PDB file of N, CA and C in Angstrom:
ATOM      1  N   MET A   1      84.723 136.762 190.182  1.00  0.00           N
ATOM      2  CA  MET A   1      84.958 137.738 189.677  1.00  0.00           C
ATOM      3  C   MET A   1      86.256 138.254 188.701  1.00  0.00           C
ATOM      4  N   LYS A   2      87.005 138.464 189.799  1.00  0.00           N
ATOM      5  CA  LYS A   2      88.253 138.624 190.034  1.00  0.00           C
ATOM      6  C   LYS A   2      89.102 137.613 189.237  1.00  0.00           C
ATOM      7  N   SER A   3      89.722 136.287 189.422  1.00  0.00           N
ATOM      8  CA  SER A   3      89.664 135.368 188.834  1.00  0.00           C
ATOM      9  C   SER A   3      89.169 135.272 186.992  1.00  0.00           C
ATOM     10  N   GLN A   4      88.393 135.497 186.917  1.00  0.00           N
ATOM     11  CA  GLN A   4      87.770 135.730 185.765  1.00  0.00           C
ATOM     12  C   GLN A   4      88.260 136.383 184.620  1.00  0.00           C
ATOM     13  N   TRP A   5      88.545 137.562 185.386  1.00  0.00           N
ATOM     14  CA  TRP A   5      89.443 138.640 184.919  1.00  0.00           C
ATOM     15  C   TRP A   5      90.156 138.503 184.578  1.00  0.00           C
ATOM     16  N   MET A   6      91.183 137.741 185.395  1.00  0.00           N
ATOM     17  CA  MET A   6      93.000 137.168 185.201  1.00  0.00           C
ATOM     18  C   MET A   6      92.762 136.062 184.035  1.00  0.00           C
ATOM     19  N   LEU A   7      91.730 135.667 184.211  1.00  0.00           N
ATOM     20  CA  LEU A   7      91.772 134.598 183.015  1.00  0.00           C
ATOM     21  C   LEU A   7      91.645 135.006 181.562  1.00  0.00           C
ATOM     22  N   VAL A   8      91.230 135.356 181.593  1.00  0.00           N
ATOM     23  CA  VAL A   8      90.552 136.593 179.920  1.00  0.00           C
ATOM     24  C   VAL A   8      92.391 137.493 179.971  1.00  0.00           C
ATOM     25  N   ILE A   9      92.717 138.121 180.821  1.00  0.00           N
ATOM     26  CA  ILE A   9      93.713 138.440 180.735  1.00  0.00           C
ATOM     27  C   ILE A   9      95.189 137.486 180.167  1.00  0.00           C
ATOM     28  N   GLY A  10      95.067 136.370 180.976  1.00  0.00           N
ATOM     29  CA  GLY A  10      96.351 135.908 180.694  1.00  0.00           C
ATOM     30  C   GLY A  10      95.916 134.561 179.177  1.00  0.00           C
ATOM     31  N   LEU A  11      94.343 134.623 178.773  1.00  0.00           N
ATOM     32  CA  LEU A  11      94.020 134.375 177.458  1.00  0.00           C
ATOM     33  C   LEU A  11      94.565 134.752 176.180  1.00  0.00           C
ATOM     34  N   LEU A  12      94.368 136.165 176.501  1.00  0.00           N
ATOM     35  CA  LEU A  12      93.834 137.146 175.130  1.00  0.00           C
ATOM     36  C   LEU A  12      96.596 137.802 175.892  1.00  0.00           C
ATOM     37  N   PHE A  13      96.730 137.210 176.774  1.00  0.00           N
ATOM     38  CA  PHE A  13      98.364 137.291 176.310  1.00  0.00           C
ATOM     39  C   PHE A  13      98.923 136.649 175.686  1.00  0.00           C
ATOM     40  N   ALA A  14      98.485 135.111 175.996  1.00  0.00           N
ATOM     41  CA  ALA A  14      98.582 133.735 175.348  1.00  0.00           C
ATOM     42  C   ALA A  14      98.696 133.954 173.989  1.00  0.00           C
ATOM     43  N   ILE A  15      97.165 134.832 173.033  1.00  0.00           N
ATOM     44  CA  ILE A  15      97.580 134.708 172.582  1.00  0.00           C
ATOM     45  C   ILE A  15      97.791 135.206 171.365  1.00  0.00           C
ATOM     46  N   ILE A  16      98.337 137.135 172.362  1.00  0.00           N
ATOM     47  CA  ILE A  16      98.987 137.879 171.569  1.00  0.00           C
ATOM     48  C   ILE A  16     100.279 136.728 170.758  1.00  0.00           C
ATOM     49  N   ILE A  17     100.810 136.382 172.121  1.00  0.00           N
ATOM     50  CA  ILE A  17     101.950 135.428 172.025  1.00  0.00           C
ATOM     51  C   ILE A  17     102.053 134.913 170.909  1.00  0.00           C
ATOM     52  N   ALA A  18     101.064 133.989 170.819  1.00  0.00           N
ATOM     53  CA  ALA A  18     101.495 132.876 170.079  1.00  0.00           C
ATOM     54  C   ALA A  18     101.082 133.387 168.771  1.00  0.00           C
ATOM     55  N   VAL A  19     100.186 134.358 168.095  1.00  0.00           N
ATOM     56  CA  VAL A  19     100.861 135.257 166.762  1.00  0.00           C
ATOM     57  C   VAL A  19     101.587 135.880 166.413  1.00  0.00           C
ATOM     58  N   PHE A  20     102.120 136.617 167.832  1.00  0.00           N
ATOM     59  CA  PHE A  20     103.582 137.109 167.091  1.00  0.00           C
ATOM     60  C   PHE A  20     104.781 135.870 167.290  1.00  0.00           C
ATOM     61  N   ALA A  21     104.453 135.012 168.022  1.00  0.00           N
ATOM     62  CA  ALA A  21     105.586 133.728 167.596  1.00  0.00           C
ATOM     63  C   ALA A  21     105.431 133.203 166.034  1.00  0.00           C
ATOM     64  N   VAL A  22     104.487 132.465 165.919  1.00  0.00           N
ATOM     65  CA  VAL A  22     103.920 132.527 164.736  1.00  0.00           C
ATOM     66  C   VAL A  22     104.603 133.141 163.343  1.00  0.00           C
ATOM     67  N   PHE A  23     104.540 134.574 163.514  1.00  0.00           N
ATOM     68  CA  PHE A  23     105.220 135.288 162.078  1.00  0.00           C
ATOM     69  C   PHE A  23     106.243 135.632 162.375  1.00  0.00           C
ATOM     70  N   ASN A  24     107.415 135.079 163.411  1.00  0.00           N
ATOM     71  CA  ASN A  24     108.753 134.954 163.754  1.00  0.00           C
ATOM     72  C   ASN A  24     108.975 133.202 163.758  1.00  0.00           C
ATOM     73  N   VAL A  25     108.977 132.801 162.473  1.00  0.00           N
ATOM     74  CA  VAL A  25     109.530 131.587 162.996  1.00  0.00           C
ATOM     75  C   VAL A  25     111.195 131.484 162.317  1.00  0.00           C
ATOM     76  N   ASP A  26     111.657 132.252 162.007  1.00  0.00           N
ATOM     77  CA  ASP A  26     113.701 132.676 161.318  1.00  0.00           C
ATOM     78  C   ASP A  26     114.095 131.893 162.499  1.00  0.00           C
ATOM     79  N   LYS A  27     115.365 131.170 162.503  1.00  0.00           N
ATOM     80  CA  LYS A  27     116.081 130.959 163.367  1.00  0.00           C
ATOM     81  C   LYS A  27     117.458 132.188 164.139  1.00  0.00           C
ATOM     82  N   VAL A  28     116.771 132.250 165.045  1.00  0.00           N
ATOM     83  CA  VAL A  28     117.916 132.925 165.403  1.00  0.00           C
ATOM     84  C   VAL A  28     118.904 132.665 166.295  1.00  0.00           C
ATOM     85  N   PRO A  29     120.313 133.475 166.612  1.00  0.00           N
ATOM     86  CA  PRO A  29     121.139 132.505 167.444  1.00  0.00           C
ATOM     87  C   PRO A  29     121.052 133.272 168.691  1.00  0.00           C
ATOM     88  N   VAL A  30     121.351 132.056 169.817  1.00  0.00           N
ATOM     89  CA  VAL A  30     120.928 131.940 171.248  1.00  0.00           C
ATOM     90  C   VAL A  30     122.052 131.634 171.700  1.00  0.00           C
ATOM     91  N   ASP A  31     122.810 132.841 172.773  1.00  0.00           N
ATOM     92  CA  ASP A  31     124.110 133.167 173.200  1.00  0.00           C
ATOM     93  C   ASP A  31     124.304 132.075 174.619  1.00  0.00           C
ATOM     94  N   TYR A  32     125.220 131.440 174.957  1.00  0.00           N
ATOM     95  CA  TYR A  32     124.537 131.099 176.255  1.00  0.00           C
ATOM     96  C   TYR A  32     126.224 131.284 176.568  1.00  0.00           C
ATOM     97  N   VAL A  33     126.795 130.893 178.220  1.00  0.00           N
ATOM     98  CA  VAL A  33     127.562 131.466 179.301  1.00  0.00           C
ATOM     99  C   VAL A  33     129.104 130.365 178.070  1.00  0.00           C
ATOM    100  N   PHE A  34     128.363 129.221 177.771  1.00  0.00           N
ATOM    101  CA  PHE A  34     129.703 127.960 177.089  1.00  0.00           C
ATOM    102  C   PHE A  34     129.301 128.285 175.664  1.00  0.00           C
ATOM    103  N   GLY A  35     128.417 128.651 174.732  1.00  0.00           N
ATOM    104  CA  GLY A  35     128.099 128.175 173.681  1.00  0.00           C
ATOM    105  C   GLY A  35     127.105 129.093 172.708  1.00  0.00           C
ATOM    106  N   GLU A  36     127.307 128.886 171.751  1.00  0.00           N
ATOM    107  CA  GLU A  36     125.936 129.590 170.654  1.00  0.00           C
ATOM    108  C   GLU A  36     125.431 128.532 170.354  1.00  0.00           C
ATOM    109  N   ALA A  37     123.998 128.695 169.544  1.00  0.00           N
ATOM    110  CA  ALA A  37     122.749 127.743 169.271  1.00  0.00           C
ATOM    111  C   ALA A  37     122.073 128.621 168.402  1.00  0.00           C
ATOM    112  N   HIS A  38     121.641 127.959 167.367  1.00  0.00           N
ATOM    113  CA  HIS A  38     120.461 128.727 166.499  1.00  0.00           C
ATOM    114  C   HIS A  38     118.881 128.045 166.577  1.00  0.00           C
ATOM    115  N   TRP A  39     118.203 128.530 167.727  1.00  0.00           N
ATOM    116  CA  TRP A  39     116.687 128.411 167.471  1.00  0.00           C
ATOM    117  C   TRP A  39     115.704 128.584 167.166  1.00  0.00           C
ATOM    118  N   PRO A  40     114.871 127.899 166.564  1.00  0.00           N
ATOM    119  CA  PRO A  40     113.838 128.946 165.823  1.00  0.00           C
ATOM    120  C   PRO A  40     112.775 129.852 167.139  1.00  0.00           C
ATOM    121  N   LEU A  41     112.880 131.445 166.592  1.00  0.00           N
ATOM    122  CA  LEU A  41     112.945 132.448 166.865  1.00  0.00           C
ATOM    123  C   LEU A  41     111.232 132.429 168.087  1.00  0.00           C
ATOM    124  N   VAL A  42     110.831 131.077 167.392  1.00  0.00           N
ATOM    125  CA  VAL A  42     108.898 130.932 168.158  1.00  0.00           C
ATOM    126  C   VAL A  42     109.402 130.450 169.729  1.00  0.00           C
ATOM    127  N   LEU A  43     111.072 129.431 169.181  1.00  0.00           N
ATOM    128  CA  LEU A  43     110.508 128.035 170.815  1.00  0.00           C
ATOM    129  C   LEU A  43     111.673 129.674 171.685  1.00  0.00           C
ATOM    130  N   VAL A  44     112.202 130.293 171.233  1.00  0.00           N
ATOM    131  CA  VAL A  44     112.593 131.362 172.132  1.00  0.00           C
ATOM    132  C   VAL A  44     111.701 132.545 172.934  1.00  0.00           C
ATOM    133  N   ILE A  45     110.836 132.925 171.996  1.00  0.00           N
ATOM    134  CA  ILE A  45     109.520 133.926 172.342  1.00  0.00           C
ATOM    135  C   ILE A  45     108.991 133.071 173.916  1.00  0.00           C
ATOM    136  N   LEU A  46     108.410 131.335 173.501  1.00  0.00           N
ATOM    137  CA  LEU A  46     107.850 130.607 173.923  1.00  0.00           C
ATOM    138  C   LEU A  46     108.705 130.108 175.523  1.00  0.00           C
ATOM    139  N   GLY A  47     109.616 130.052 174.864  1.00  0.00           N
ATOM    140  CA  GLY A  47     110.530 130.047 176.011  1.00  0.00           C
ATOM    141  C   GLY A  47     110.602 131.065 177.339  1.00  0.00           C
ATOM    142  N   SER A  48     110.584 132.073 176.791  1.00  0.00           N
ATOM    143  CA  SER A  48     110.727 132.742 177.738  1.00  0.00           C
ATOM    144  C   SER A  48     109.483 133.523 178.734  1.00  0.00           C
ATOM    145  N   ALA A  49     108.551 133.560 177.826  1.00  0.00           N
ATOM    146  CA  ALA A  49     107.013 133.734 178.531  1.00  0.00           C
ATOM    147  C   ALA A  49     106.994 132.966 179.313  1.00  0.00           C
ATOM    148  N   LEU A  50     107.454 131.364 179.071  1.00  0.00           N
ATOM    149  CA  LEU A  50     107.533 130.035 179.889  1.00  0.00           C
ATOM    150  C   LEU A  50     107.600 130.473 181.296  1.00  0.00           C
ATOM    151  N   LEU A  51     109.379 130.687 180.854  1.00  0.00           N
ATOM    152  CA  LEU A  51     110.032 131.500 182.324  1.00  0.00           C
ATOM    153  C   LEU A  51     109.493 132.277 183.177  1.00  0.00           C
ATOM    154  N   GLY A  52     108.931 133.901 182.497  1.00  0.00           N
ATOM    155  CA  GLY A  52     108.339 134.465 183.203  1.00  0.00           C
ATOM    156  C   GLY A  52     107.195 134.082 184.007  1.00  0.00           C
ATOM    157  N   ALA A  53     106.432 133.716 183.501  1.00  0.00           N
ATOM    158  CA  ALA A  53     105.195 133.054 183.932  1.00  0.00           C
ATOM    159  C   ALA A  53     105.612 132.005 185.315  1.00  0.00           C
ATOM    160  N   LEU A  54     106.848 131.270 185.324  1.00  0.00           N
ATOM    161  CA  LEU A  54     107.048 130.412 186.013  1.00  0.00           C
ATOM    162  C   LEU A  54     107.760 131.511 187.811  1.00  0.00           C
ATOM    163  N   ALA A  55     108.695 132.044 187.073  1.00  0.00           N
ATOM    164  CA  ALA A  55     109.301 133.398 188.019  1.00  0.00           C
ATOM    165  C   ALA A  55     108.041 133.721 188.730  1.00  0.00           C
ATOM    166  N   SER A  56     106.804 134.342 187.670  1.00  0.00           N
ATOM    167  CA  SER A  56     106.054 134.842 188.651  1.00  0.00           C
ATOM    168  C   SER A  56     105.068 134.339 189.640  1.00  0.00           C
ATOM    169  N   GLY A  57     104.600 133.480 188.882  1.00  0.00           N
ATOM    170  CA  GLY A  57     104.357 131.884 190.184  1.00  0.00           C
ATOM    171  C   GLY A  57     105.082 131.594 191.537  1.00  0.00           C
ATOM    172  N   LEU A  58     106.117 131.200 190.954  1.00  0.00           N
ATOM    173  CA  LEU A  58     107.141 131.139 192.393  1.00  0.00           C
ATOM    174  C   LEU A  58     106.766 131.922 193.225  1.00  0.00           C
ATOM    175  N   PHE A  59     107.153 133.664 193.035  1.00  0.00           N
ATOM    176  CA  PHE A  59     107.009 134.616 193.778  1.00  0.00           C
ATOM    177  C   PHE A  59     105.887 134.449 194.378  1.00  0.00           C
ATOM    178  N   ALA A  60     104.544 134.323 193.694  1.00  0.00           N
ATOM    179  CA  ALA A  60     103.592 134.106 194.421  1.00  0.00           C
ATOM    180  C   ALA A  60     103.166 133.542 195.227  1.00  0.00           C
ATOM    181  N   VAL A  61     103.430 131.804 195.310  1.00  0.00           N
ATOM    182  CA  VAL A  61     103.496 130.821 196.266  1.00  0.00           C
ATOM    183  C   VAL A  61     104.019 131.718 197.778  1.00  0.00           C
ATOM    184  N   PHE A  62     105.398 131.980 197.376  1.00  0.00           N
ATOM    185  CA  PHE A  62     106.461 132.273 198.252  1.00  0.00           C
ATOM    186  C   PHE A  62     105.624 133.701 199.250  1.00  0.00           C
ATOM    187  N   LYS A  63     105.002 134.539 198.142  1.00  0.00           N
ATOM    188  CA  LYS A  63     103.975 136.046 198.939  1.00  0.00           C
ATOM    189  C   LYS A  63     103.141 134.913 199.961  1.00  0.00           C
ATOM    190  N   SER A  64     102.120 133.831 199.783  1.00  0.00           N
ATOM    191  CA  SER A  64     101.090 133.258 199.601  1.00  0.00           C
ATOM    192  C   SER A  64     101.399 132.759 200.624  1.00  0.00           C
ATOM    193  N   VAL A  65     102.805 131.687 200.963  1.00  0.00           N
ATOM    194  CA  VAL A  65     103.046 131.012 202.394  1.00  0.00           C
ATOM    195  C   VAL A  65     103.772 132.267 203.242  1.00  0.00           C
ATOM    196  N   ARG A  66     104.424 133.097 202.758  1.00  0.00           N
ATOM    197  CA  ARG A  66     104.789 133.672 204.240  1.00  0.00           C
ATOM    198  C   ARG A  66     103.651 134.786 204.747  1.00  0.00           C
ATOM    199  N   THR A  67     102.683 134.579 204.382  1.00  0.00           N
ATOM    200  CA  THR A  67     101.184 135.593 204.167  1.00  0.00           C
ATOM    201  C   THR A  67     100.473 134.369 205.474  1.00  0.00           C
ATOM    202  N   ARG A  68     100.542 133.137 204.921  1.00  0.00           N
ATOM    203  CA  ARG A  68      99.637 132.207 205.969  1.00  0.00           C
ATOM    204  C   ARG A  68     100.544 132.255 206.961  1.00  0.00           C
ATOM    205  N   ARG A  69     101.836 132.112 206.935  1.00  0.00           N
ATOM    206  CA  ARG A  69     102.626 132.130 208.488  1.00  0.00           C
ATOM    207  C   ARG A  69     102.340 133.574 209.339  1.00  0.00           C
ATOM    208  N   GLU A  70     102.416 134.311 209.085  1.00  0.00           N
ATOM    209  CA  GLU A  70     102.208 135.741 209.744  1.00  0.00           C
ATOM    210  C   GLU A  70     100.112 135.097 210.091  1.00  0.00           C
ATOM    211  N   VAL A  71     100.021 134.955 208.931  1.00  0.00           N
ATOM    212  CA  VAL A  71      97.900 134.573 210.087  1.00  0.00           C
ATOM    213  C   VAL A  71      98.057 134.163 211.198  1.00  0.00           C
ATOM    214  N   LYS A  72      98.663 132.485 211.105  1.00  0.00           N
ATOM    215  CA  LYS A  72      98.778 132.043 212.270  1.00  0.00           C
ATOM    216  C   LYS A  72      99.076 132.216 212.945  1.00  0.00           C
ATOM    217  N   VAL A  73     100.463 133.220 213.428  1.00  0.00           N
ATOM    218  CA  VAL A  73     101.230 134.079 214.226  1.00  0.00           C
ATOM    219  C   VAL A  73     100.490 134.769 214.168  1.00  0.00           C
ATOM    220  N   LEU A  74      99.332 135.345 214.052  1.00  0.00           N
ATOM    221  CA  LEU A  74      98.384 136.732 214.182  1.00  0.00           C
ATOM    222  C   LEU A  74      97.279 135.711 215.526  1.00  0.00           C
ATOM    223  N   GLN A  75      96.478 134.751 214.658  1.00  0.00           N
ATOM    224  CA  GLN A  75      95.604 133.925 215.123  1.00  0.00           C
ATOM    225  C   GLN A  75      96.051 133.120 216.772  1.00  0.00           C
ATOM    226  N   ARG A  76      97.206 133.100 217.097  1.00  0.00           N
ATOM    227  CA  ARG A  76      97.881 132.228 218.031  1.00  0.00           C
ATOM    228  C   ARG A  76      97.937 133.110 218.972  1.00  0.00           C
ATOM    229  N   GLN A  77      97.944 134.984 218.357  1.00  0.00           N
ATOM    230  CA  GLN A  77      98.191 135.705 219.769  1.00  0.00           C
ATOM    231  C   GLN A  77      96.794 136.587 219.721  1.00  0.00           C
ATOM    232  N   ILE A  78      95.873 136.536 218.729  1.00  0.00           N
ATOM    233  CA  ILE A  78      94.375 136.641 219.412  1.00  0.00           C
ATOM    234  C   ILE A  78      93.901 135.431 220.429  1.00  0.00           C
ATOM    235  N   THR A  79      94.236 134.358 220.502  1.00  0.00           N
ATOM    236  CA  THR A  79      93.647 133.238 221.013  1.00  0.00           C
ATOM    237  C   THR A  79      94.124 133.532 222.350  1.00  0.00           C
ATOM    238  N   GLU A  80      95.518 133.801 222.861  1.00  0.00           N
ATOM    239  CA  GLU A  80      96.548 133.961 223.757  1.00  0.00           C
ATOM    240  C   GLU A  80      95.731 135.340 224.476  1.00  0.00           C
ATOM    241  N   LYS A  81      95.488 136.273 223.952  1.00  0.00           N
ATOM    242  CA  LYS A  81      94.610 137.594 224.457  1.00  0.00           C
ATOM    243  C   LYS A  81      92.988 137.194 224.772  1.00  0.00           C
ATOM    244  N   GLU A  82      92.583 136.593 224.085  1.00  0.00           N
ATOM    245  CA  GLU A  82      91.218 136.357 224.344  1.00  0.00           C
ATOM    246  C   GLU A  82      90.793 135.368 226.051  1.00  0.00           C
ATOM    247  N   SER A  83      91.553 134.617 225.134  1.00  0.00           N
ATOM    248  CA  SER A  83      91.464 133.978 227.315  1.00  0.00           C
ATOM    249  C   SER A  83      92.583 134.638 228.522  1.00  0.00           C
ATOM    250  N   THR A  84      93.581 135.745 227.959  1.00  0.00           N
ATOM    251  CA  THR A  84      93.591 136.393 229.282  1.00  0.00           C
ATOM    252  C   THR A  84      92.541 137.745 229.700  1.00  0.00           C
ATOM    253  N   ILE A  85      91.741 137.874 228.625  1.00  0.00           N
ATOM    254  CA  ILE A  85      90.789 138.716 228.582  1.00  0.00           C
ATOM    255  C   ILE A  85      89.821 137.651 229.593  1.00  0.00           C
ATOM    256  N   ALA A  86      89.362 136.411 228.665  1.00  0.00           N
ATOM    257  CA  ALA A  86      88.591 135.738 229.509  1.00  0.00           C
ATOM    258  C   ALA A  86      89.010 135.658 231.203  1.00  0.00           C
ATOM    259  N   ASN A  87      89.905 135.033 231.708  1.00  0.00           N
ATOM    260  CA  ASN A  87      90.580 134.978 232.832  1.00  0.00           C
ATOM    261  C   ASN A  87      90.055 136.956 233.784  1.00  0.00           C
ATOM    262  N   GLN A  88      90.843 137.532 232.940  1.00  0.00           N
ATOM    263  CA  GLN A  88      90.215 138.778 234.043  1.00  0.00           C
ATOM    264  C   GLN A  88      89.125 138.826 233.710  1.00  0.00           C
ATOM    265  N   GLN A  89      88.290 138.703 232.921  1.00  0.00           N
ATOM    266  CA  GLN A  89      87.110 138.926 233.460  1.00  0.00           C
ATOM    267  C   GLN A  89      86.009 137.798 234.590  1.00  0.00           C
ATOM    268  N   ASN A  90      86.549 136.652 234.047  1.00  0.00           N
ATOM    269  CA  ASN A  90      86.195 135.657 235.437  1.00  0.00           C
ATOM    270  C   ASN A  90      86.720 136.484 236.729  1.00  0.00           C
ATOM    271  N   GLU A  91      87.968 136.791 237.161  1.00  0.00           N
ATOM    272  CA  GLU A  91      88.486 137.623 238.635  1.00  0.00           C
ATOM    273  C   GLU A  91      87.928 138.684 238.465  1.00  0.00           C
ATOM    274  N   ILE A  92      86.928 139.672 237.590  1.00  0.00           N
ATOM    275  CA  ILE A  92      85.977 140.857 237.622  1.00  0.00           C
ATOM    276  C   ILE A  92      84.745 140.463 238.676  1.00  0.00           C
ATOM    277  N   ALA A  93      84.280 139.192 237.334  1.00  0.00           N
ATOM    278  CA  ALA A  93      83.212 139.190 238.378  1.00  0.00           C
ATOM    279  C   ALA A  93      83.325 138.236 240.124  1.00  0.00           C
ATOM    280  N   MET A  94      84.235 137.673 240.161  1.00  0.00           N
ATOM    281  CA  MET A  94      84.294 136.869 241.187  1.00  0.00           C
ATOM    282  C   MET A  94      84.663 137.682 242.349  1.00  0.00           C
ATOM    283  N   LEU A  95      85.539 139.203 242.023  1.00  0.00           N
ATOM    284  CA  LEU A  95      85.503 139.877 242.888  1.00  0.00           C
ATOM    285  C   LEU A  95      83.972 140.963 243.204  1.00  0.00           C
ATOM    286  N   GLN A  96      83.237 141.238 241.914  1.00  0.00           N
ATOM    287  CA  GLN A  96      82.362 141.572 242.513  1.00  0.00           C
ATOM    288  C   GLN A  96      81.628 140.776 243.219  1.00  0.00           C
ATOM    289  N   LYS A  97      81.289 139.932 243.347  1.00  0.00           N
ATOM    290  CA  LYS A  97      80.284 138.834 243.943  1.00  0.00           C
ATOM    291  C   LYS A  97      80.640 139.251 245.694  1.00  0.00           C
ATOM    292  N   SER A  98      82.131 139.009 245.820  1.00  0.00           N
ATOM    293  CA  SER A  98      82.621 138.977 246.686  1.00  0.00           C
ATOM    294  C   SER A  98      83.442 139.923 247.617  1.00  0.00           C
ATOM    295  N   PRO A  99      82.999 141.237 247.940  1.00  0.00           N
ATOM    296  CA  PRO A  99      83.267 142.445 248.124  1.00  0.00           C
ATOM    297  C   PRO A  99      85.234 142.482 248.942  1.00  0.00           C
ATOM    298  N   GLU A 100      84.048 141.646 250.396  1.00  0.00           N
ATOM    299  CA  GLU A 100      85.261 141.221 251.076  1.00  0.00           C
ATOM    300  C   GLU A 100      86.929 140.932 250.463  1.00  0.00           C
ATOM    301  N   LEU A 101      86.465 140.098 249.767  1.00  0.00           N
ATOM    302  CA  LEU A 101      87.743 139.543 248.414  1.00  0.00           C
ATOM    303  C   LEU A 101      88.401 140.630 247.421  1.00  0.00           C
ATOM    304  N   ALA A 102      87.776 141.167 247.619  1.00  0.00           N
ATOM    305  CA  ALA A 102      87.845 142.108 246.334  1.00  0.00           C
ATOM    306  C   ALA A 102      88.725 143.546 247.058  1.00  0.00           C
ATOM    307  N   THR A 103      88.346 143.372 248.686  1.00  0.00           N
ATOM    308  CA  THR A 103      88.971 144.123 249.553  1.00  0.00           C
ATOM    309  C   THR A 103      90.147 144.251 249.582  1.00  0.00           C
ATOM    310  N   GLU A 104      90.419 142.777 250.067  1.00  0.00           N
ATOM    311  CA  GLU A 104      91.784 141.750 250.355  1.00  0.00           C
ATOM    312  C   GLU A 104      92.718 141.769 249.516  1.00  0.00           C
ATOM    313  N   VAL A 105      92.401 141.337 248.567  1.00  0.00           N
ATOM    314  CA  VAL A 105      93.052 141.492 246.770  1.00  0.00           C
ATOM    315  C   VAL A 105      93.751 142.855 246.629  1.00  0.00           C
ATOM    316  N   MET A 106      92.729 143.750 246.440  1.00  0.00           N
ATOM    317  CA  MET A 106      93.230 145.498 246.657  1.00  0.00           C
ATOM    318  C   MET A 106      94.555 145.695 247.444  1.00  0.00           C
ATOM    319  N   GLY A 107      94.627 145.209 248.948  1.00  0.00           N
ATOM    320  CA  GLY A 107      95.109 145.359 249.605  1.00  0.00           C
ATOM    321  C   GLY A 107      96.720 144.666 249.285  1.00  0.00           C
ATOM    322  N   ASP A 108      96.424 143.239 249.333  1.00  0.00           N
ATOM    323  CA  ASP A 108      97.764 142.978 248.731  1.00  0.00           C
ATOM    324  C   ASP A 108      98.395 142.915 248.005  1.00  0.00           C
ATOM    325  N   GLN A 109      97.857 143.869 246.900  1.00  0.00           N
ATOM    326  CA  GLN A 109      97.927 144.435 244.799  1.00  0.00           C
ATOM    327  C   GLN A 109      98.727 145.796 246.265  1.00  0.00           C
ATOM    328  N   TYR A 110      98.192 146.327 247.135  1.00  0.00           N
ATOM    329  CA  TYR A 110      98.702 147.919 247.315  1.00  0.00           C
ATOM    330  C   TYR A 110      99.956 148.333 248.220  1.00  0.00           C
ATOM    331  N   ASP A 111     100.002 146.227 249.116  1.00  0.00           N
ATOM    332  CA  ASP A 111     100.926 145.797 249.588  1.00  0.00           C
ATOM    333  C   ASP A 111     102.504 145.414 248.914  1.00  0.00           C
ATOM    334  N   ALA A 112     102.153 144.759 247.532  1.00  0.00           N
ATOM    335  CA  ALA A 112     103.300 144.656 246.612  1.00  0.00           C
ATOM    336  C   ALA A 112     103.694 145.653 246.055  1.00  0.00           C
ATOM    337  N   LYS A 113     103.445 146.810 245.738  1.00  0.00           N
ATOM    338  CA  LYS A 113     103.662 147.712 244.892  1.00  0.00           C
ATOM    339  C   LYS A 113     104.653 148.568 246.413  1.00  0.00           C
ATOM    340  N   LYS A 114     104.423 148.741 247.369  1.00  0.00           N
ATOM    341  CA  LYS A 114     105.592 149.434 247.961  1.00  0.00           C
ATOM    342  C   LYS A 114     106.562 148.424 248.012  1.00  0.00           C
TER     343      LYS A 114
END
């Protein structure tokens, strides 16, 4: 639904630019760093709109790539933590089955802390 509204707003914006451009067909001076040219205002308006769309599109792509990278890192961390939890749960299950082993492991851990 959101993409449909974005499409409608984009089309509305394009129609407004096109109507504005059609009413402004006079030639205007365009100053460059290295010179000056006279272009129809229609081309200046449409060129500016296209450059703006291109800039915002590149920004969106950059943000999307960065977000995907962050998601991959977080998924990798989740996988590592899940494996750690699974190993600890297996250890707990083994220690619950064998109380003698549990006291031995706890004793070893106690001795290691001294």
